[in-house]
Every structure is written in C-alpha cells, then in structure tokens.
C-alpha cells in the first residue's frame, strides 16, 4: 500500500464454527484482511469478520506479549474491551487497518460444506510511516469511527 512493502501474507480456512485467531496485534504498519466465502454461506450476517479494538498495543510490549498475553491485552483495553469495532464478514470485503490495533477474529458460524467455510487471506506491510498516512493515501468507500480503519471492496482500494 503506497510506500508500504508487503512483508507477510497468510490465509486461514476455518471449519463451520471454530473460534478463529485470538486477540493480538501485529508488528507492521498496515494489515489487510479480506473474505471470499459467499454471503449465503455465512449463517450469522452481523459477525464472522473481525473485532478491532480502539486501542493500540503499547510500543514497549514485545512480540510474545502482543501475540499471546490475552490477560495483559484485556487489562490494557479496559473499558474499550466491551466496545470493539465489528467488521462483519461479506464476500469480497476488505478491512485495512493499523496493525498495532488489538484485534481478533469475530465469532464464526458458516455452513458445513467445504465450499462454505470462511476463508480469510490477509497481508501486512511494514514501513517507518504511520498506518494513518497509508490509509489516507488509499481511496476509501467507508471509514469507520477509527481513522485507522478502512472497509470496502478490494477493487476500490487498489
């Protein structure tokens, strides 16, 4: 994204009702998560994407803390733990956000057949620039309450 080179890429395919990736932050400037399972496969249309909390992991935390210490993250989030930004799953939806925001997979409830399972490719980009700068240089179709989160169809962002 802009001057942010791709540093990691991943893809997760989930069973119909697994819990997904737990609470964490990422060591990058920008995260891109998108979903390709058809909307008809998703049995809980208000969920199934991401929960993004409105607070960043402290810069002094090490990798193990911001990836594995859920108690520390919950304590750090305080009141914000109860008010995450919910980005529901939609086919061909992309969420681009500041990687340092604490986030997790939202609850999942998809159809039983293999084709209906939630598939979530994603990537992260590393740079000395802030995520806000990268996001503001990318056309957005919808900004959520945090200036560090953009949601739209991937074709509008690239």
Protein backbone atom coordinates (compact mmCIF):
# COMPACT_ATOMS: atom_id res chain seq x y z
CA UNK A 1 0.00 0.00 0.00
CA UNK A 2 1.63 3.19 -1.17
CA UNK A 3 5.19 3.15 0.24
CA UNK A 4 4.50 0.16 2.50
CA UNK A 5 6.11 -3.03 1.13
CA UNK A 6 4.39 -6.36 1.68
CA UNK A 7 6.15 -8.26 4.47
CA UNK A 8 3.79 -11.15 5.26
CA UNK A 9 0.87 -12.93 3.62
CA UNK A 10 -1.37 -15.64 5.05
CA UNK A 11 -4.63 -17.49 4.52
CA UNK A 12 -6.85 -19.24 7.06
CA UNK A 13 -9.67 -21.64 6.15
CA UNK A 14 -11.95 -22.35 9.10
CA UNK A 15 -14.37 -25.10 9.99
CA UNK A 16 -18.04 -24.10 10.29
CA UNK A 17 -17.91 -22.90 13.93
CA UNK A 18 -14.27 -22.56 15.02
CA UNK A 19 -13.14 -19.66 17.15
CA UNK A 20 -10.57 -18.17 14.74
CA UNK A 21 -7.48 -16.16 15.66
CA UNK A 22 -7.44 -14.80 19.21
CA UNK A 23 -6.70 -11.32 20.46
CA UNK A 24 -3.38 -9.90 19.19
CA UNK A 25 -1.61 -7.03 17.45
CA UNK A 26 0.89 -7.30 14.58
CA UNK A 27 4.42 -5.98 14.09
CA UNK A 28 3.67 -4.00 10.93
CA UNK A 29 2.21 -0.67 9.83
CA UNK A 30 -0.88 -1.85 7.96
CA UNK A 31 -2.98 -5.05 7.94
CA UNK A 32 -5.21 -6.08 5.05
CA UNK A 33 -7.80 -8.79 5.71
CA UNK A 34 -10.40 -9.88 3.20
CA UNK A 35 -13.03 -12.57 2.87
CA UNK A 36 -14.08 -14.56 -0.17
CA UNK A 37 -16.68 -17.06 1.12
CA UNK A 38 -20.12 -16.35 -0.36
CA UNK A 39 -22.54 -14.37 1.79
CA UNK A 40 -25.04 -17.24 1.51
CA UNK A 41 -22.57 -19.47 3.43
CA UNK A 42 -22.50 -17.17 6.44
CA UNK A 43 -25.20 -18.03 8.96
CA UNK A 44 -24.65 -15.01 11.25
CA UNK A 45 -24.50 -11.98 8.90
CA UNK A 46 -23.77 -9.43 11.64
CA UNK A 47 -20.49 -11.18 12.56
CA UNK A 48 -17.82 -13.51 11.18
CA UNK A 49 -15.22 -10.92 10.20
CA UNK A 50 -13.05 -9.01 12.67
CA UNK A 51 -13.27 -7.37 16.07
CA UNK A 52 -10.93 -4.40 16.10
CA UNK A 53 -10.40 -2.66 19.40
CA UNK A 54 -9.95 1.10 19.59
CA UNK A 55 -6.65 0.93 21.44
CA UNK A 56 -3.17 0.11 20.17
CA UNK A 57 -0.78 -2.29 21.85
CA UNK A 58 1.86 -0.33 23.82
CA UNK A 59 5.07 0.13 21.83
CA UNK A 60 7.13 -1.28 24.71
CA UNK A 61 5.36 -4.66 24.52
CA UNK A 62 7.41 -7.45 22.96
CA UNK A 63 6.17 -9.90 20.32
CA UNK A 64 5.16 -12.53 22.87
CA UNK A 65 3.08 -10.04 24.88
CA UNK A 66 1.10 -8.58 21.95
CA UNK A 67 0.53 -12.02 20.41
CA UNK A 68 -0.01 -14.30 23.41
CA UNK A 69 -0.75 -12.45 26.65
CA UNK A 70 -4.52 -12.06 26.46
CA UNK A 71 -4.73 -11.03 30.14
CA UNK A 72 -2.34 -8.11 29.50
CA UNK A 73 -4.31 -7.08 26.40
CA UNK A 74 -7.63 -7.18 28.25
CA UNK A 75 -6.22 -5.15 31.13
CA UNK A 76 -4.77 -2.62 28.66
CA UNK A 77 -8.07 -2.32 26.78
CA UNK A 78 -10.05 -1.62 29.95
CA UNK A 79 -13.47 -0.19 29.05
CA UNK A 80 -12.65 -0.46 25.32
CA UNK A 81 -12.80 -4.26 25.64
CA UNK A 82 -16.61 -4.01 25.57
CA UNK A 83 -16.84 -1.74 22.51
CA UNK A 84 -14.82 -3.19 19.62
CA UNK A 85 -15.47 -2.18 16.05
CA UNK A 86 -17.23 -5.18 14.49
CA UNK A 87 -16.45 -5.67 10.80
CA UNK A 88 -18.96 -8.29 9.61
CA UNK A 89 -17.96 -10.90 7.03
CA UNK A 90 -19.05 -10.06 3.49
CA UNK A 91 -17.86 -11.71 0.32
CA UNK A 92 -15.24 -9.54 -1.38
CA UNK A 93 -14.91 -7.22 1.64
CA UNK A 94 -11.53 -5.92 2.74
CA UNK A 95 -10.59 -4.33 6.06
CA UNK A 96 -7.37 -2.28 6.08
CA UNK A 97 -6.23 -1.06 9.47
CA UNK A 98 -3.35 -0.04 11.70
CA UNK A 99 -1.59 -3.31 12.58
CA UNK A 100 -0.89 -2.13 16.11
CA UNK A 101 -4.60 -2.01 16.94
CA UNK A 102 -5.51 -5.04 19.05
CA UNK A 103 -7.83 -7.26 17.02
CA UNK A 104 -9.22 -10.78 16.73
CA UNK A 105 -11.45 -12.94 14.56
CA UNK A 106 -15.11 -12.28 15.28
CA UNK A 107 -17.38 -15.23 16.10
CA UNK A 108 -17.81 -17.64 13.20
CA UNK A 109 -20.87 -19.59 12.06
CA UNK A 110 -20.70 -20.83 8.47
CA UNK A 111 -22.26 -23.69 6.50
CA UNK A 112 -20.98 -27.25 6.89
CA UNK A 113 -19.80 -27.94 3.34
CA UNK A 114 -16.17 -27.23 2.44
CA UNK A 115 -17.05 -24.51 -0.10
CA UNK A 116 -18.98 -22.58 2.56
CA UNK A 117 -16.13 -22.32 5.05
CA UNK A 118 -14.74 -18.93 5.97
CA UNK A 119 -11.53 -18.28 4.07
CA UNK A 120 -9.52 -15.26 5.14
CA UNK A 121 -6.41 -14.32 3.15
CA UNK A 122 -4.50 -11.38 4.55
CA UNK A 123 -1.26 -9.46 4.50
CA UNK A 124 0.72 -6.93 6.45
CA UNK A 125 3.00 -4.14 5.32
CA UNK A 126 5.94 -2.70 7.19
CA UNK A 127 7.18 0.86 6.96
CA UNK A 128 8.51 3.74 9.01
CA UNK A 129 5.37 5.71 8.09
CA UNK A 130 2.21 5.52 10.16
CA UNK A 131 -0.75 3.41 9.18
CA UNK A 132 -2.88 6.57 9.13
CA UNK A 133 -0.70 8.03 6.37
CA UNK A 134 -1.01 4.88 4.26
CA UNK A 135 -4.75 4.66 4.75
CA UNK A 136 -5.31 8.31 3.89
CA UNK A 137 -3.40 7.83 0.62
CA UNK A 138 -5.76 4.97 -0.37
CA UNK A 139 -9.24 5.70 -1.78
CA UNK A 140 -11.85 4.64 0.75
CA UNK A 141 -15.50 3.80 0.31
CA UNK A 142 -16.25 3.74 4.03
CA UNK A 143 -14.37 5.00 7.09
CA UNK A 144 -15.36 3.55 10.43
CA UNK A 145 -15.11 5.56 13.69
CA UNK A 146 -11.36 4.97 13.95
CA UNK A 147 -9.28 6.91 11.43
CA UNK A 148 -7.04 3.83 11.31
CA UNK A 149 -9.65 1.53 9.71
CA UNK A 150 -10.97 1.37 6.16
CA UNK A 151 -13.59 -1.10 4.89
CA UNK A 152 -14.61 -1.65 1.28
CA UNK A 153 -14.34 -3.95 -1.70
CA UNK A 154 -10.71 -4.79 -2.62
CA UNK A 155 -11.13 -3.46 -6.14
CA UNK A 156 -11.80 0.05 -4.77
CA UNK A 157 -8.61 0.05 -2.72
CA UNK A 158 -6.11 -1.00 -5.35
